[in-house]
């Protein structure tokens, strides 16, 4: 900041941001006040969401991370935002985006690979659990898997070395998840939301009330739609 490089300081401050246990508990509390159920994943949230989508409890996983496909979600929804914009990495620039649905079966069919092979491609390129192999991008990883079938054969027939790939593969194939949950939707606690957001966290009352009105309208439209299905 003393050197006047505000943008660089902002980037570093974002990189140093961490989600604390207190933030998690506050998020749960806000969801409860809004009447929205939440589920505590035993490990990776994307793994839990993928299990819920596979079992038909939810329509899809919503994430920007393609790792959701490696965890086996049948459908991945990306770019799900309120503003319709996304900030470019390390730049104070925003681009317009539109929601998209990626279906795992279509990905596997179009690439002519299995989910296990998709996981190996992810490991070669890099996931949340490993950095990937140097100088191996998506195209090269796909070519390697198409040629050799899996990481074991790649290491046997080339000079490429992939560390801890079995452990990482197991994370995606058999992640810890819970099946003990239920969705209990409730009406929003307007007074509680205002107290939590405005009194405890100094949010604008006008903006909070505007968001609450949108939430009420959404629930009203959803209720009317369900009623119409009976006739």
Protein backbone atom coordinates (compact mmCIF):
# COMPACT_ATOMS: atom_id res chain seq x y z
CA UNK A 1 0.00 0.00 0.00
CA UNK A 2 2.88 2.37 0.79
CA UNK A 3 4.15 1.84 -2.76
CA UNK A 4 0.72 2.73 -4.11
CA UNK A 5 0.01 -0.70 -5.59
CA UNK A 6 -3.54 -1.03 -4.29
CA UNK A 7 -4.59 -3.69 -6.81
CA UNK A 8 -1.74 -6.04 -5.87
CA UNK A 9 -2.50 -5.54 -2.18
CA UNK A 10 -6.15 -6.39 -2.84
CA UNK A 11 -5.19 -9.60 -4.67
CA UNK A 12 -2.94 -10.72 -1.83
CA UNK A 13 -5.61 -9.93 0.74
CA UNK A 14 -8.09 -12.12 -1.15
CA UNK A 15 -5.59 -14.96 -1.32
CA UNK A 16 -5.01 -14.74 2.43
CA UNK A 17 -8.75 -14.96 3.20
CA UNK A 18 -9.78 -18.14 4.98
CA UNK A 19 -13.12 -19.63 5.93
CA UNK A 20 -13.15 -19.93 9.72
CA UNK A 21 -15.33 -22.21 11.89
CA UNK A 22 -17.12 -19.09 13.13
CA UNK A 23 -18.02 -18.13 9.55
CA UNK A 24 -19.38 -21.63 8.94
CA UNK A 25 -21.56 -21.49 12.06
CA UNK A 26 -22.84 -18.03 11.14
CA UNK A 27 -23.71 -19.27 7.65
CA UNK A 28 -25.67 -22.17 9.14
CA UNK A 29 -27.51 -19.78 11.42
CA UNK A 30 -28.45 -17.49 8.53
CA UNK A 31 -29.72 -20.43 6.47
CA UNK A 32 -31.86 -21.55 9.39
CA UNK A 33 -33.30 -18.05 9.76
CA UNK A 34 -34.09 -18.09 6.04
CA UNK A 35 -35.86 -21.45 6.41
CA UNK A 36 -33.31 -23.21 4.20
CA UNK A 37 -32.05 -26.65 5.30
CA UNK A 38 -28.32 -27.34 5.41
CA UNK A 39 -26.26 -30.53 5.59
CA UNK A 40 -22.87 -30.91 7.27
CA UNK A 41 -20.65 -32.96 4.97
CA UNK A 42 -18.25 -35.33 6.78
CA UNK A 43 -15.51 -34.43 4.31
CA UNK A 44 -15.72 -32.68 0.92
CA UNK A 45 -18.87 -30.66 0.24
CA UNK A 46 -18.66 -31.47 -3.48
CA UNK A 47 -18.52 -35.18 -2.69
CA UNK A 48 -21.64 -34.87 -0.53
CA UNK A 49 -23.48 -32.89 -3.21
CA UNK A 50 -22.51 -35.49 -5.83
CA UNK A 51 -23.90 -38.31 -3.67
CA UNK A 52 -27.16 -36.40 -3.19
CA UNK A 53 -27.47 -35.84 -6.93
CA UNK A 54 -26.70 -39.49 -7.73
CA UNK A 55 -29.35 -40.68 -5.28
CA UNK A 56 -31.94 -38.33 -6.80
CA UNK A 57 -32.37 -36.22 -3.65
CA UNK A 58 -31.31 -33.09 -5.57
CA UNK A 59 -31.27 -32.20 -9.26
CA UNK A 60 -27.59 -31.30 -9.57
CA UNK A 61 -24.42 -30.09 -7.87
CA UNK A 62 -23.76 -26.35 -8.13
CA UNK A 63 -20.07 -25.44 -8.24
CA UNK A 64 -17.43 -23.77 -10.37
CA UNK A 65 -15.13 -26.71 -9.71
CA UNK A 66 -15.00 -29.52 -12.26
CA UNK A 67 -13.92 -31.85 -9.44
CA UNK A 68 -17.66 -32.32 -8.87
CA UNK A 69 -17.72 -34.46 -12.03
CA UNK A 70 -14.84 -36.55 -10.69
CA UNK A 71 -16.89 -37.16 -7.55
CA UNK A 72 -19.61 -38.53 -9.84
CA UNK A 73 -22.35 -35.92 -9.88
CA UNK A 74 -24.64 -36.71 -12.85
CA UNK A 75 -25.19 -32.99 -13.46
CA UNK A 76 -23.02 -29.98 -12.65
CA UNK A 77 -24.46 -26.45 -12.69
CA UNK A 78 -21.82 -23.74 -13.18
CA UNK A 79 -22.01 -19.94 -13.19
CA UNK A 80 -24.98 -19.86 -10.81
CA UNK A 81 -24.81 -16.25 -9.61
CA UNK A 82 -27.17 -13.42 -8.72
CA UNK A 83 -25.27 -10.75 -10.65
CA UNK A 84 -24.55 -12.76 -13.80
CA UNK A 85 -20.91 -11.69 -13.60
CA UNK A 86 -17.66 -13.33 -12.55
CA UNK A 87 -14.40 -11.69 -11.55
CA UNK A 88 -11.35 -12.69 -13.56
CA UNK A 89 -8.46 -14.12 -11.48
CA UNK A 90 -5.91 -11.53 -10.30
CA UNK A 91 -7.70 -8.75 -12.19
CA UNK A 92 -10.22 -6.13 -11.18
CA UNK A 93 -12.25 -7.05 -14.25
CA UNK A 94 -15.64 -8.76 -14.46
CA UNK A 95 -17.11 -10.75 -17.35
CA UNK A 96 -20.72 -11.65 -18.00
CA UNK A 97 -21.57 -15.31 -17.53
CA UNK A 98 -24.62 -17.50 -17.99
CA UNK A 99 -25.55 -20.62 -16.03
CA UNK A 100 -24.65 -23.88 -17.76
CA UNK A 101 -25.44 -27.53 -17.05
CA UNK A 102 -22.78 -30.16 -17.69
CA UNK A 103 -23.97 -33.77 -17.75
CA UNK A 104 -21.41 -36.38 -16.76
CA UNK A 105 -22.75 -39.06 -19.13
CA UNK A 106 -22.44 -36.68 -22.09
CA UNK A 107 -18.86 -35.80 -21.13
CA UNK A 108 -17.86 -39.45 -20.89
CA UNK A 109 -19.66 -40.34 -24.13
CA UNK A 110 -18.17 -37.46 -26.12
CA UNK A 111 -14.65 -38.26 -24.91
CA UNK A 112 -15.16 -42.05 -25.17
CA UNK A 113 -13.77 -42.63 -21.69
CA UNK A 114 -14.96 -44.00 -18.35
CA UNK A 115 -15.42 -42.06 -15.14
CA UNK A 116 -12.31 -43.77 -13.75
CA UNK A 117 -10.34 -42.51 -16.74
CA UNK A 118 -11.78 -39.01 -16.26
CA UNK A 119 -10.49 -39.13 -12.69
CA UNK A 120 -7.03 -40.11 -13.95
CA UNK A 121 -7.13 -37.20 -16.41
CA UNK A 122 -8.01 -34.90 -13.53
CA UNK A 123 -5.10 -36.23 -11.47
CA UNK A 124 -2.69 -35.69 -14.37
CA UNK A 125 -3.87 -32.10 -14.88
CA UNK A 126 -4.29 -31.31 -11.19
CA UNK A 127 -7.12 -31.35 -8.66
CA UNK A 128 -7.83 -29.86 -5.25
CA UNK A 129 -5.67 -32.66 -3.85
CA UNK A 130 -2.62 -32.54 -6.13
CA UNK A 131 -0.80 -30.08 -8.37
CA UNK A 132 -0.77 -32.33 -11.42
CA UNK A 133 2.08 -33.25 -13.73
CA UNK A 134 4.23 -30.46 -15.06
CA UNK A 135 3.62 -29.59 -18.73
CA UNK A 136 0.55 -31.85 -18.91
CA UNK A 137 -2.65 -30.00 -19.77
CA UNK A 138 -6.14 -31.33 -20.51
CA UNK A 139 -5.44 -32.23 -24.17
CA UNK A 140 -2.19 -34.05 -23.42
CA UNK A 141 -3.75 -35.83 -20.43
CA UNK A 142 -6.65 -37.05 -22.59
CA UNK A 143 -4.23 -38.27 -25.25
CA UNK A 144 -2.16 -40.12 -22.65
CA UNK A 145 -5.22 -41.83 -21.20
CA UNK A 146 -6.55 -42.70 -24.66
CA UNK A 147 -3.18 -44.24 -25.52
CA UNK A 148 -2.34 -46.03 -22.28
CA UNK A 149 -5.69 -46.48 -20.53
CA UNK A 150 -4.71 -45.43 -17.02
CA UNK A 151 -1.99 -43.84 -14.91
CA UNK A 152 -0.38 -47.20 -14.11
CA UNK A 153 0.31 -47.86 -17.79
CA UNK A 154 1.41 -44.26 -18.38
CA UNK A 155 4.06 -44.61 -15.67
CA UNK A 156 5.08 -48.00 -17.04
CA UNK A 157 5.49 -46.85 -20.64
CA UNK A 158 6.69 -43.24 -20.23
CA UNK A 159 8.97 -41.24 -17.95
CA UNK A 160 5.98 -39.52 -16.30
CA UNK A 161 5.73 -39.98 -12.54
CA UNK A 162 2.49 -39.30 -10.67
CA UNK A 163 2.75 -39.25 -6.88
CA UNK A 164 0.00 -40.54 -4.58
CA UNK A 165 -2.36 -41.14 -7.49
CA UNK A 166 -3.96 -44.20 -5.90
CA UNK A 167 -4.87 -42.28 -2.75
CA UNK A 168 -6.26 -39.37 -4.79
CA UNK A 169 -8.21 -41.72 -7.03
CA UNK A 170 -9.76 -43.33 -3.95
CA UNK A 171 -10.83 -39.90 -2.64
CA UNK A 172 -12.96 -39.41 -5.74
CA UNK A 173 -14.27 -42.97 -6.00
CA UNK A 174 -15.11 -43.57 -2.33
CA UNK A 175 -15.27 -40.26 -0.43
CA UNK A 176 -16.78 -40.03 3.06
CA UNK A 177 -20.42 -38.92 2.72
CA UNK A 178 -23.51 -39.04 4.89
CA UNK A 179 -26.87 -40.46 3.84
CA UNK A 180 -28.52 -39.49 7.11
CA UNK A 181 -30.22 -36.21 6.25
CA UNK A 182 -33.59 -34.69 5.44
CA UNK A 183 -34.82 -31.47 3.84
CA UNK A 184 -36.98 -29.53 6.28
CA UNK A 185 -38.01 -26.27 4.60
CA UNK A 186 -39.55 -23.55 6.77
CA UNK A 187 -40.89 -20.02 6.41
CA UNK A 188 -38.21 -17.34 6.80
CA UNK A 189 -37.88 -15.66 10.20
CA UNK A 190 -37.98 -12.04 9.00
CA UNK A 191 -37.38 -10.50 12.41
CA UNK A 192 -34.51 -12.90 13.09
CA UNK A 193 -32.89 -12.19 9.70
CA UNK A 194 -33.05 -8.42 10.21
CA UNK A 195 -31.60 -8.70 13.71
CA UNK A 196 -28.80 -11.01 12.55
CA UNK A 197 -27.87 -9.09 9.39
CA UNK A 198 -28.52 -5.48 10.42
CA UNK A 199 -28.04 -5.35 14.19
CA UNK A 200 -25.25 -7.90 14.53
CA UNK A 201 -23.43 -7.42 11.22
CA UNK A 202 -24.31 -3.85 10.15
CA UNK A 203 -25.86 -4.71 6.79
CA UNK A 204 -28.13 -2.17 5.11
CA UNK A 205 -31.70 -2.67 6.33
CA UNK A 206 -33.03 -1.58 2.93
CA UNK A 207 -30.98 -4.18 1.07
CA UNK A 208 -31.82 -6.92 3.56
CA UNK A 209 -35.55 -6.22 3.32
CA UNK A 210 -35.29 -6.21 -0.47
CA UNK A 211 -33.67 -9.66 -0.37
CA UNK A 212 -36.33 -10.92 2.05
CA UNK A 213 -39.10 -9.73 -0.29
CA UNK A 214 -37.49 -11.67 -3.14
CA UNK A 215 -37.28 -14.77 -0.96
CA UNK A 216 -40.96 -14.45 -0.03
CA UNK A 217 -41.96 -13.99 -3.67
CA UNK A 218 -39.99 -17.05 -4.73
CA UNK A 219 -41.65 -19.21 -2.08
CA UNK A 220 -45.07 -17.82 -3.07
CA UNK A 221 -44.57 -18.64 -6.75
CA UNK A 222 -43.25 -22.11 -5.88
CA UNK A 223 -46.28 -22.76 -3.65
CA UNK A 224 -48.71 -21.66 -6.37
CA UNK A 225 -46.99 -23.90 -8.90
CA UNK A 226 -47.28 -26.91 -6.61
CA UNK A 227 -50.99 -26.14 -6.05
CA UNK A 228 -51.62 -25.90 -9.80
CA UNK A 229 -50.17 -29.38 -10.28
CA UNK A 230 -53.21 -30.80 -8.47
CA UNK A 231 -55.63 -29.52 -11.14
